[in-house]
Amino acid sequence: MQSTVSGKYYEELEPGMVFHHAITRTVTETDNLLFSALTYNSQPLHLDDEFCKNTVYGQRLVNSIFTLGLVVGVGVSDLTLGTTLGNLGFDEITFPKPVFIGDTLRAETEITGRRESKKKPDRGIVHFETRGFNQRDEMVVKVHRVGLMMKRPVPA
């Protein structure tokens, strides 16, 4: 059985390209609660309404690692499904605005650089900058990610 490949190969990811991902997602209370519980994050900023009433935001914040995972995840089918060999790193992660339960998020990814592998001719390294926005078009997360991408297979 052959797997589905909807991601882009190294050669198709040119610096300067921007992908506006079609998937949008309204963050629910269940998302925030389950993610926080699954990752053992007991921070009351994510879980306790009464505690949050006395914070600067006056309400619960969505777990920022959930937000990061969501905006990277919605780009998988557009960019890396079946064409990546893995992530090499994440850096320059910022959360300029908070995410609240009920916010609807969308994402876009820009290709910021690439180079061929120095060791393996069948792959290359691609730099992705993913930005997530809420329903008010406020940027809520920005992350730079480096991925090891397959080159287009050479026909046998």
N, C-alpha and C. Protein backbone atom coordinates (compact mmCIF):
# COMPACT_ATOMS: atom_id res chain seq x y z
N MET A 1 0.84 -1.18 0.00
CA MET A 1 0.00 0.00 0.00
C MET A 1 0.89 1.24 0.00
N GLN A 2 0.63 2.13 -0.93
CA GLN A 2 1.44 3.34 -1.05
C GLN A 2 0.84 4.46 -0.20
N SER A 3 1.71 5.20 0.49
CA SER A 3 1.22 6.29 1.33
C SER A 3 0.95 7.53 0.49
N THR A 4 0.10 8.40 1.01
CA THR A 4 -0.24 9.63 0.33
C THR A 4 0.83 10.68 0.60
N VAL A 5 1.24 11.38 -0.44
CA VAL A 5 2.21 12.45 -0.33
C VAL A 5 1.54 13.73 -0.81
N SER A 6 1.24 14.62 0.13
CA SER A 6 0.70 15.93 -0.28
C SER A 6 1.67 17.05 0.05
N GLY A 7 2.76 16.70 0.76
CA GLY A 7 3.77 17.70 1.09
C GLY A 7 4.61 18.06 -0.11
N LYS A 8 5.45 19.05 0.07
CA LYS A 8 6.34 19.54 -0.98
C LYS A 8 7.73 18.93 -0.79
N TYR A 9 8.34 18.63 -1.90
CA TYR A 9 9.73 18.19 -1.87
C TYR A 9 10.64 19.41 -1.76
N TYR A 10 11.88 19.16 -1.37
CA TYR A 10 12.87 20.23 -1.20
C TYR A 10 12.86 21.22 -2.37
N GLU A 11 12.86 20.68 -3.59
CA GLU A 11 12.94 21.54 -4.79
C GLU A 11 11.74 22.47 -4.94
N GLU A 12 10.62 22.11 -4.33
CA GLU A 12 9.39 22.90 -4.46
C GLU A 12 9.26 23.99 -3.40
N LEU A 13 10.20 24.05 -2.48
CA LEU A 13 10.12 25.01 -1.37
C LEU A 13 11.15 26.11 -1.57
N GLU A 14 10.77 27.12 -2.32
CA GLU A 14 11.65 28.24 -2.67
C GLU A 14 11.58 29.32 -1.59
N PRO A 15 12.71 29.87 -1.18
CA PRO A 15 12.69 30.99 -0.23
C PRO A 15 11.79 32.13 -0.74
N GLY A 16 11.00 32.67 0.16
CA GLY A 16 10.06 33.74 -0.17
C GLY A 16 8.63 33.26 -0.40
N MET A 17 8.46 31.97 -0.65
CA MET A 17 7.11 31.44 -0.83
C MET A 17 6.35 31.53 0.50
N VAL A 18 5.05 31.88 0.42
CA VAL A 18 4.20 31.92 1.61
C VAL A 18 2.99 31.03 1.34
N PHE A 19 2.74 30.13 2.28
CA PHE A 19 1.61 29.21 2.20
C PHE A 19 0.57 29.64 3.24
N HIS A 20 -0.64 29.94 2.77
CA HIS A 20 -1.75 30.29 3.66
C HIS A 20 -2.55 29.01 3.87
N HIS A 21 -2.44 28.43 5.05
CA HIS A 21 -3.04 27.13 5.31
C HIS A 21 -4.56 27.25 5.43
N ALA A 22 -5.26 26.33 4.78
CA ALA A 22 -6.72 26.37 4.70
C ALA A 22 -7.40 26.00 6.01
N ILE A 23 -6.76 25.18 6.80
CA ILE A 23 -7.38 24.72 8.04
C ILE A 23 -7.38 25.84 9.07
N THR A 24 -8.55 26.13 9.62
CA THR A 24 -8.68 27.05 10.75
C THR A 24 -9.28 26.25 11.90
N ARG A 25 -9.11 26.76 13.12
CA ARG A 25 -9.56 25.97 14.26
C ARG A 25 -9.96 26.88 15.40
N THR A 26 -11.17 26.68 15.91
CA THR A 26 -11.60 27.36 17.13
C THR A 26 -11.13 26.51 18.31
N VAL A 27 -10.38 27.14 19.20
CA VAL A 27 -9.82 26.44 20.36
C VAL A 27 -10.91 26.28 21.41
N THR A 28 -11.10 25.06 21.87
CA THR A 28 -12.15 24.77 22.84
C THR A 28 -11.59 24.58 24.24
N GLU A 29 -12.47 24.59 25.20
CA GLU A 29 -12.07 24.31 26.58
C GLU A 29 -11.48 22.90 26.68
N THR A 30 -12.08 21.97 25.97
CA THR A 30 -11.60 20.59 25.99
C THR A 30 -10.17 20.50 25.44
N ASP A 31 -9.89 21.21 24.34
CA ASP A 31 -8.52 21.23 23.80
C ASP A 31 -7.52 21.64 24.88
N ASN A 32 -7.81 22.75 25.52
CA ASN A 32 -6.90 23.32 26.51
C ASN A 32 -6.76 22.40 27.72
N LEU A 33 -7.87 21.89 28.21
CA LEU A 33 -7.85 21.02 29.39
C LEU A 33 -7.10 19.71 29.11
N LEU A 34 -7.44 19.04 28.01
CA LEU A 34 -6.80 17.77 27.70
C LEU A 34 -5.31 17.93 27.41
N PHE A 35 -4.96 18.95 26.65
CA PHE A 35 -3.55 19.15 26.34
C PHE A 35 -2.75 19.44 27.61
N SER A 36 -3.29 20.29 28.46
CA SER A 36 -2.60 20.60 29.72
C SER A 36 -2.47 19.36 30.58
N ALA A 37 -3.53 18.55 30.65
CA ALA A 37 -3.48 17.33 31.46
C ALA A 37 -2.52 16.31 30.86
N LEU A 38 -2.55 16.12 29.56
CA LEU A 38 -1.67 15.14 28.91
C LEU A 38 -0.20 15.50 29.05
N THR A 39 0.10 16.78 29.19
CA THR A 39 1.49 17.22 29.30
C THR A 39 1.87 17.55 30.75
N TYR A 40 1.00 17.19 31.69
CA TYR A 40 1.24 17.42 33.13
C TYR A 40 1.47 18.89 33.46
N ASN A 41 0.87 19.78 32.71
CA ASN A 41 1.01 21.20 32.96
C ASN A 41 -0.14 21.63 33.88
N SER A 42 0.14 21.80 35.14
CA SER A 42 -0.89 22.14 36.13
C SER A 42 -0.98 23.65 36.39
N GLN A 43 -0.46 24.45 35.48
CA GLN A 43 -0.49 25.90 35.64
C GLN A 43 -1.93 26.40 35.76
N PRO A 44 -2.27 27.09 36.86
CA PRO A 44 -3.64 27.57 37.02
C PRO A 44 -4.07 28.59 35.96
N LEU A 45 -3.11 29.22 35.28
CA LEU A 45 -3.47 30.14 34.19
C LEU A 45 -4.24 29.43 33.08
N HIS A 46 -4.08 28.09 33.00
CA HIS A 46 -4.76 27.30 31.96
C HIS A 46 -5.98 26.56 32.48
N LEU A 47 -6.10 26.43 33.80
CA LEU A 47 -7.08 25.48 34.35
C LEU A 47 -8.08 26.05 35.36
N ASP A 48 -7.80 27.20 35.94
CA ASP A 48 -8.57 27.66 37.10
C ASP A 48 -9.21 29.02 36.85
N ASP A 49 -10.51 29.02 36.55
CA ASP A 49 -11.24 30.26 36.29
C ASP A 49 -11.13 31.25 37.44
N GLU A 50 -11.28 30.77 38.66
CA GLU A 50 -11.25 31.67 39.83
C GLU A 50 -9.87 32.32 39.98
N PHE A 51 -8.84 31.55 39.82
CA PHE A 51 -7.48 32.09 39.87
C PHE A 51 -7.30 33.17 38.79
N CYS A 52 -7.79 32.88 37.59
CA CYS A 52 -7.56 33.77 36.45
C CYS A 52 -8.34 35.09 36.54
N LYS A 53 -9.41 35.10 37.31
CA LYS A 53 -10.18 36.35 37.46
C LYS A 53 -9.31 37.46 38.03
N ASN A 54 -8.27 37.11 38.76
CA ASN A 54 -7.39 38.10 39.39
C ASN A 54 -6.08 38.31 38.63
N THR A 55 -5.99 37.81 37.40
CA THR A 55 -4.79 38.01 36.59
C THR A 55 -5.00 39.18 35.65
N VAL A 56 -3.95 39.56 34.98
CA VAL A 56 -3.99 40.69 34.05
C VAL A 56 -5.01 40.46 32.92
N TYR A 57 -5.27 39.20 32.56
CA TYR A 57 -6.20 38.89 31.47
C TYR A 57 -7.62 38.65 31.95
N GLY A 58 -7.81 38.31 33.22
CA GLY A 58 -9.14 38.09 33.77
C GLY A 58 -9.82 36.83 33.31
N GLN A 59 -9.12 35.99 32.59
CA GLN A 59 -9.68 34.73 32.08
C GLN A 59 -8.54 33.76 31.81
N ARG A 60 -8.89 32.49 31.57
CA ARG A 60 -7.88 31.47 31.32
C ARG A 60 -7.16 31.71 30.00
N LEU A 61 -5.89 31.40 29.99
CA LEU A 61 -5.08 31.42 28.77
C LEU A 61 -5.00 30.00 28.22
N VAL A 62 -5.01 29.89 26.91
CA VAL A 62 -4.78 28.59 26.27
C VAL A 62 -3.30 28.27 26.41
N ASN A 63 -3.01 27.04 26.70
CA ASN A 63 -1.64 26.55 26.83
C ASN A 63 -0.86 26.92 25.56
N SER A 64 0.24 27.65 25.73
CA SER A 64 0.98 28.16 24.57
C SER A 64 1.61 27.04 23.74
N ILE A 65 1.94 25.93 24.36
CA ILE A 65 2.52 24.83 23.60
C ILE A 65 1.45 24.17 22.71
N PHE A 66 0.19 24.18 23.16
CA PHE A 66 -0.91 23.74 22.30
C PHE A 66 -1.00 24.66 21.08
N THR A 67 -0.96 25.97 21.33
CA THR A 67 -1.03 26.95 20.24
C THR A 67 0.09 26.71 19.24
N LEU A 68 1.30 26.52 19.72
CA LEU A 68 2.45 26.26 18.86
C LEU A 68 2.22 25.00 18.03
N GLY A 69 1.82 23.92 18.69
CA GLY A 69 1.58 22.66 17.98
C GLY A 69 0.48 22.76 16.94
N LEU A 70 -0.57 23.51 17.27
CA LEU A 70 -1.68 23.66 16.33
C LEU A 70 -1.25 24.39 15.07
N VAL A 71 -0.57 25.52 15.20
CA VAL A 71 -0.22 26.27 14.00
C VAL A 71 0.81 25.56 13.14
N VAL A 72 1.70 24.79 13.76
CA VAL A 72 2.64 23.99 12.97
C VAL A 72 1.89 22.82 12.33
N GLY A 73 1.00 22.21 13.09
CA GLY A 73 0.26 21.04 12.61
C GLY A 73 -0.63 21.31 11.42
N VAL A 74 -1.29 22.47 11.37
CA VAL A 74 -2.21 22.72 10.26
C VAL A 74 -1.47 22.87 8.93
N GLY A 75 -0.16 23.07 8.98
CA GLY A 75 0.61 23.18 7.75
C GLY A 75 1.18 21.87 7.23
N VAL A 76 1.03 20.80 7.99
CA VAL A 76 1.64 19.52 7.60
C VAL A 76 1.15 19.06 6.24
N SER A 77 -0.15 19.06 6.00
CA SER A 77 -0.66 18.53 4.72
C SER A 77 -0.20 19.37 3.54
N ASP A 78 0.00 20.67 3.75
CA ASP A 78 0.46 21.55 2.67
C ASP A 78 1.96 21.43 2.41
N LEU A 79 2.73 21.17 3.45
CA LEU A 79 4.18 21.32 3.35
C LEU A 79 4.98 20.04 3.49
N THR A 80 4.66 19.19 4.44
CA THR A 80 5.60 18.12 4.79
C THR A 80 5.01 16.71 4.83
N LEU A 81 3.74 16.54 4.54
CA LEU A 81 3.13 15.21 4.64
C LEU A 81 3.76 14.26 3.61
N GLY A 82 4.53 13.30 4.11
CA GLY A 82 5.18 12.32 3.25
C GLY A 82 6.48 12.77 2.63
N THR A 83 6.93 13.99 2.92
CA THR A 83 8.15 14.50 2.29
C THR A 83 9.21 14.96 3.29
N THR A 84 8.92 14.86 4.57
CA THR A 84 9.92 15.26 5.56
C THR A 84 10.59 14.05 6.17
N LEU A 85 11.82 14.25 6.57
CA LEU A 85 12.54 13.23 7.32
C LEU A 85 12.62 13.60 8.79
N GLY A 86 12.04 14.74 9.14
CA GLY A 86 11.97 15.15 10.54
C GLY A 86 12.34 16.60 10.75
N ASN A 87 11.99 17.08 11.93
CA ASN A 87 12.38 18.43 12.35
C ASN A 87 13.79 18.40 12.91
N LEU A 88 14.56 19.40 12.58
CA LEU A 88 15.91 19.54 13.12
C LEU A 88 15.96 20.52 14.28
N GLY A 89 14.95 21.36 14.38
CA GLY A 89 14.92 22.29 15.50
C GLY A 89 13.84 23.34 15.37
N PHE A 90 13.49 23.89 16.52
CA PHE A 90 12.56 25.01 16.62
C PHE A 90 13.29 26.10 17.39
N ASP A 91 13.20 27.33 16.92
CA ASP A 91 13.77 28.43 17.70
C ASP A 91 13.00 29.71 17.40
N GLU A 92 13.41 30.77 18.05
CA GLU A 92 12.77 32.08 17.87
C GLU A 92 11.25 31.97 18.01
N ILE A 93 10.79 31.28 19.04
CA ILE A 93 9.36 31.13 19.28
C ILE A 93 8.90 32.31 20.12
N THR A 94 7.88 33.03 19.61
CA THR A 94 7.31 34.15 20.37
C THR A 94 5.80 34.03 20.39
N PHE A 95 5.21 34.56 21.45
CA PHE A 95 3.75 34.59 21.62
C PHE A 95 3.35 36.05 21.87
N PRO A 96 3.21 36.86 20.81
CA PRO A 96 2.97 38.29 20.99
C PRO A 96 1.61 38.65 21.61
N LYS A 97 0.62 37.80 21.46
CA LYS A 97 -0.71 38.02 22.05
C LYS A 97 -1.19 36.71 22.65
N PRO A 98 -1.99 36.78 23.71
CA PRO A 98 -2.51 35.54 24.30
C PRO A 98 -3.62 34.93 23.45
N VAL A 99 -3.81 33.63 23.65
CA VAL A 99 -4.93 32.92 23.03
C VAL A 99 -5.88 32.53 24.14
N PHE A 100 -7.18 32.76 23.91
CA PHE A 100 -8.22 32.45 24.88
C PHE A 100 -9.13 31.37 24.31
N ILE A 101 -9.79 30.65 25.19
CA ILE A 101 -10.78 29.66 24.77
C ILE A 101 -11.83 30.38 23.93
N GLY A 102 -12.15 29.82 22.77
CA GLY A 102 -13.10 30.41 21.84
C GLY A 102 -12.44 31.18 20.70
N ASP A 103 -11.13 31.43 20.78
CA ASP A 103 -10.43 32.08 19.67
C ASP A 103 -10.32 31.11 18.50
N THR A 104 -10.43 31.66 17.29
CA THR A 104 -10.27 30.87 16.08
C THR A 104 -8.93 31.24 15.46
N LEU A 105 -8.10 30.22 15.24
CA LEU A 105 -6.74 30.45 14.76
C LEU A 105 -6.58 30.01 13.31
N ARG A 106 -5.74 30.75 12.62
CA ARG A 106 -5.32 30.40 11.26
C ARG A 106 -3.81 30.56 11.21
N ALA A 107 -3.18 29.99 10.18
CA ALA A 107 -1.72 30.03 10.11
C ALA A 107 -1.24 30.21 8.68
N GLU A 108 -0.03 30.72 8.59
CA GLU A 108 0.66 30.82 7.32
C GLU A 108 2.12 30.48 7.56
N THR A 109 2.76 29.95 6.53
CA THR A 109 4.18 29.58 6.65
C THR A 109 4.94 30.16 5.48
N GLU A 110 6.05 30.80 5.80
CA GLU A 110 6.96 31.35 4.79
C GLU A 110 8.23 30.52 4.77
N ILE A 111 8.71 30.25 3.57
CA ILE A 111 10.00 29.57 3.42
C ILE A 111 11.06 30.67 3.49
N THR A 112 11.92 30.59 4.50
CA THR A 112 12.90 31.67 4.72
C THR A 112 14.31 31.30 4.28
N GLY A 113 14.52 30.05 3.92
CA GLY A 113 15.84 29.65 3.44
C GLY A 113 15.88 28.16 3.20
N ARG A 114 16.92 27.75 2.49
CA ARG A 114 17.13 26.32 2.26
C ARG A 114 18.55 26.10 1.77
N ARG A 115 19.01 24.87 1.97
CA ARG A 115 20.30 24.46 1.42
C ARG A 115 20.30 22.94 1.26
N GLU A 116 21.08 22.48 0.33
CA GLU A 116 21.21 21.04 0.13
C GLU A 116 22.00 20.44 1.28
N SER A 117 21.74 19.18 1.58
CA SER A 117 22.50 18.47 2.59
C SER A 117 23.95 18.33 2.13
N LYS A 118 24.87 18.51 3.05
CA LYS A 118 26.29 18.35 2.72
C LYS A 118 26.69 16.88 2.70
N LYS A 119 25.89 16.03 3.35
CA LYS A 119 26.26 14.62 3.47
C LYS A 119 25.43 13.69 2.60
N LYS A 120 24.17 14.04 2.35
CA LYS A 120 23.26 13.13 1.65
C LYS A 120 22.64 13.87 0.45
N PRO A 121 22.89 13.42 -0.77
CA PRO A 121 22.39 14.14 -1.95
C PRO A 121 20.88 14.03 -2.17
N ASP A 122 20.20 13.15 -1.42
CA ASP A 122 18.76 12.95 -1.61
C ASP A 122 17.89 13.82 -0.70
N ARG A 123 18.50 14.80 -0.03
CA ARG A 123 17.74 15.63 0.92
C ARG A 123 18.32 17.02 1.05
N GLY A 124 17.52 17.89 1.67
CA GLY A 124 17.97 19.25 1.92
C GLY A 124 17.36 19.79 3.20
N ILE A 125 17.88 20.91 3.64
CA ILE A 125 17.44 21.54 4.88
C ILE A 125 16.65 22.79 4.51
N VAL A 126 15.45 22.90 5.06
CA VAL A 126 14.56 24.03 4.75
C VAL A 126 14.22 24.76 6.04
N HIS A 127 14.21 26.09 5.97
CA HIS A 127 13.84 26.94 7.10
C HIS A 127 12.42 27.45 6.86
N PHE A 128 11.56 27.21 7.84
CA PHE A 128 10.15 27.60 7.79
C PHE A 128 9.89 28.65 8.89
N GLU A 129 9.15 29.69 8.56
CA GLU A 129 8.65 30.59 9.60
C GLU A 129 7.12 30.50 9.57
N THR A 130 6.56 30.00 10.65
CA THR A 130 5.11 29.86 10.73
C THR A 130 4.57 30.92 11.67
N ARG A 131 3.49 31.56 11.22
CA ARG A 131 2.84 32.61 12.00
C ARG A 131 1.38 32.24 12.19
N GLY A 132 0.89 32.37 13.42
CA GLY A 132 -0.50 32.07 13.73
C GLY A 132 -1.22 33.35 14.11
N PHE A 133 -2.47 33.45 13.69
CA PHE A 133 -3.29 34.65 13.91
C PHE A 133 -4.64 34.25 14.49
N ASN A 134 -5.21 35.13 15.30
CA ASN A 134 -6.56 34.90 15.81
C ASN A 134 -7.58 35.53 14.86
N GLN A 135 -8.85 35.47 15.25
CA GLN A 135 -9.93 35.98 14.41
C GLN A 135 -9.89 37.50 14.24
N ARG A 136 -9.10 38.20 15.03
CA ARG A 136 -8.93 39.65 14.90
C ARG A 136 -7.67 39.99 14.11
N ASP A 137 -7.09 38.99 13.46
CA ASP A 137 -5.85 39.12 12.69
C ASP A 137 -4.67 39.59 13.54
N GLU A 138 -4.71 39.29 14.84
CA GLU A 138 -3.58 39.57 15.72
C GLU A 138 -2.66 38.35 15.70
N MET A 139 -1.36 38.59 15.53
CA MET A 139 -0.42 37.48 15.57
C MET A 139 -0.33 36.97 17.00
N VAL A 140 -0.53 35.67 17.18
CA VAL A 140 -0.50 35.07 18.51
C VAL A 140 0.72 34.17 18.71
N VAL A 141 1.35 33.77 17.62
CA VAL A 141 2.56 32.94 17.72
C VAL A 141 3.36 33.11 16.43
N LYS A 142 4.67 33.08 16.59
CA LYS A 142 5.58 33.05 15.45
C LYS A 142 6.72 32.10 15.83
N VAL A 143 7.06 31.20 14.90
CA VAL A 143 8.11 30.21 15.18
C VAL A 143 8.95 29.99 13.93
N HIS A 144 10.24 29.85 14.15
CA HIS A 144 11.16 29.45 13.09
C HIS A 144 11.46 27.97 13.31
N ARG A 145 11.33 27.20 12.25
CA ARG A 145 11.54 25.75 12.33
C ARG A 145 12.45 25.34 11.19
N VAL A 146 13.29 24.36 11.45
CA VAL A 146 14.19 23.82 10.44
C VAL A 146 13.81 22.37 10.20
N GLY A 147 13.57 22.03 8.94
CA GLY A 147 13.17 20.67 8.62
C GLY A 147 14.12 20.01 7.63
N LEU A 148 14.28 18.71 7.77
CA LEU A 148 15.05 17.92 6.84
C LEU A 148 14.07 17.35 5.82
N MET A 149 14.19 17.80 4.58
CA MET A 149 13.20 17.48 3.55
C MET A 149 13.79 16.58 2.47
N MET A 150 12.96 15.67 2.00
CA MET A 150 13.35 14.78 0.90
C MET A 150 13.40 15.57 -0.41
N LYS A 151 14.33 15.20 -1.26
CA LYS A 151 14.31 15.70 -2.63
C LYS A 151 13.37 14.80 -3.44
N ARG A 152 12.91 15.33 -4.54
CA ARG A 152 12.01 14.55 -5.41
C ARG A 152 12.73 13.27 -5.84
N PRO A 153 12.07 12.12 -5.69
CA PRO A 153 12.72 10.86 -6.09
C PRO A 153 13.08 10.84 -7.57
N VAL A 154 14.23 10.28 -7.86
CA VAL A 154 14.68 10.13 -9.24
C VAL A 154 14.05 8.85 -9.79
N PRO A 155 13.37 8.93 -10.95
CA PRO A 155 12.76 7.71 -11.50
C PRO A 155 13.82 6.65 -11.78
N ALA A 156 13.45 5.41 -11.50
CA ALA A 156 14.41 4.29 -11.68
C ALA A 156 14.51 3.88 -13.11
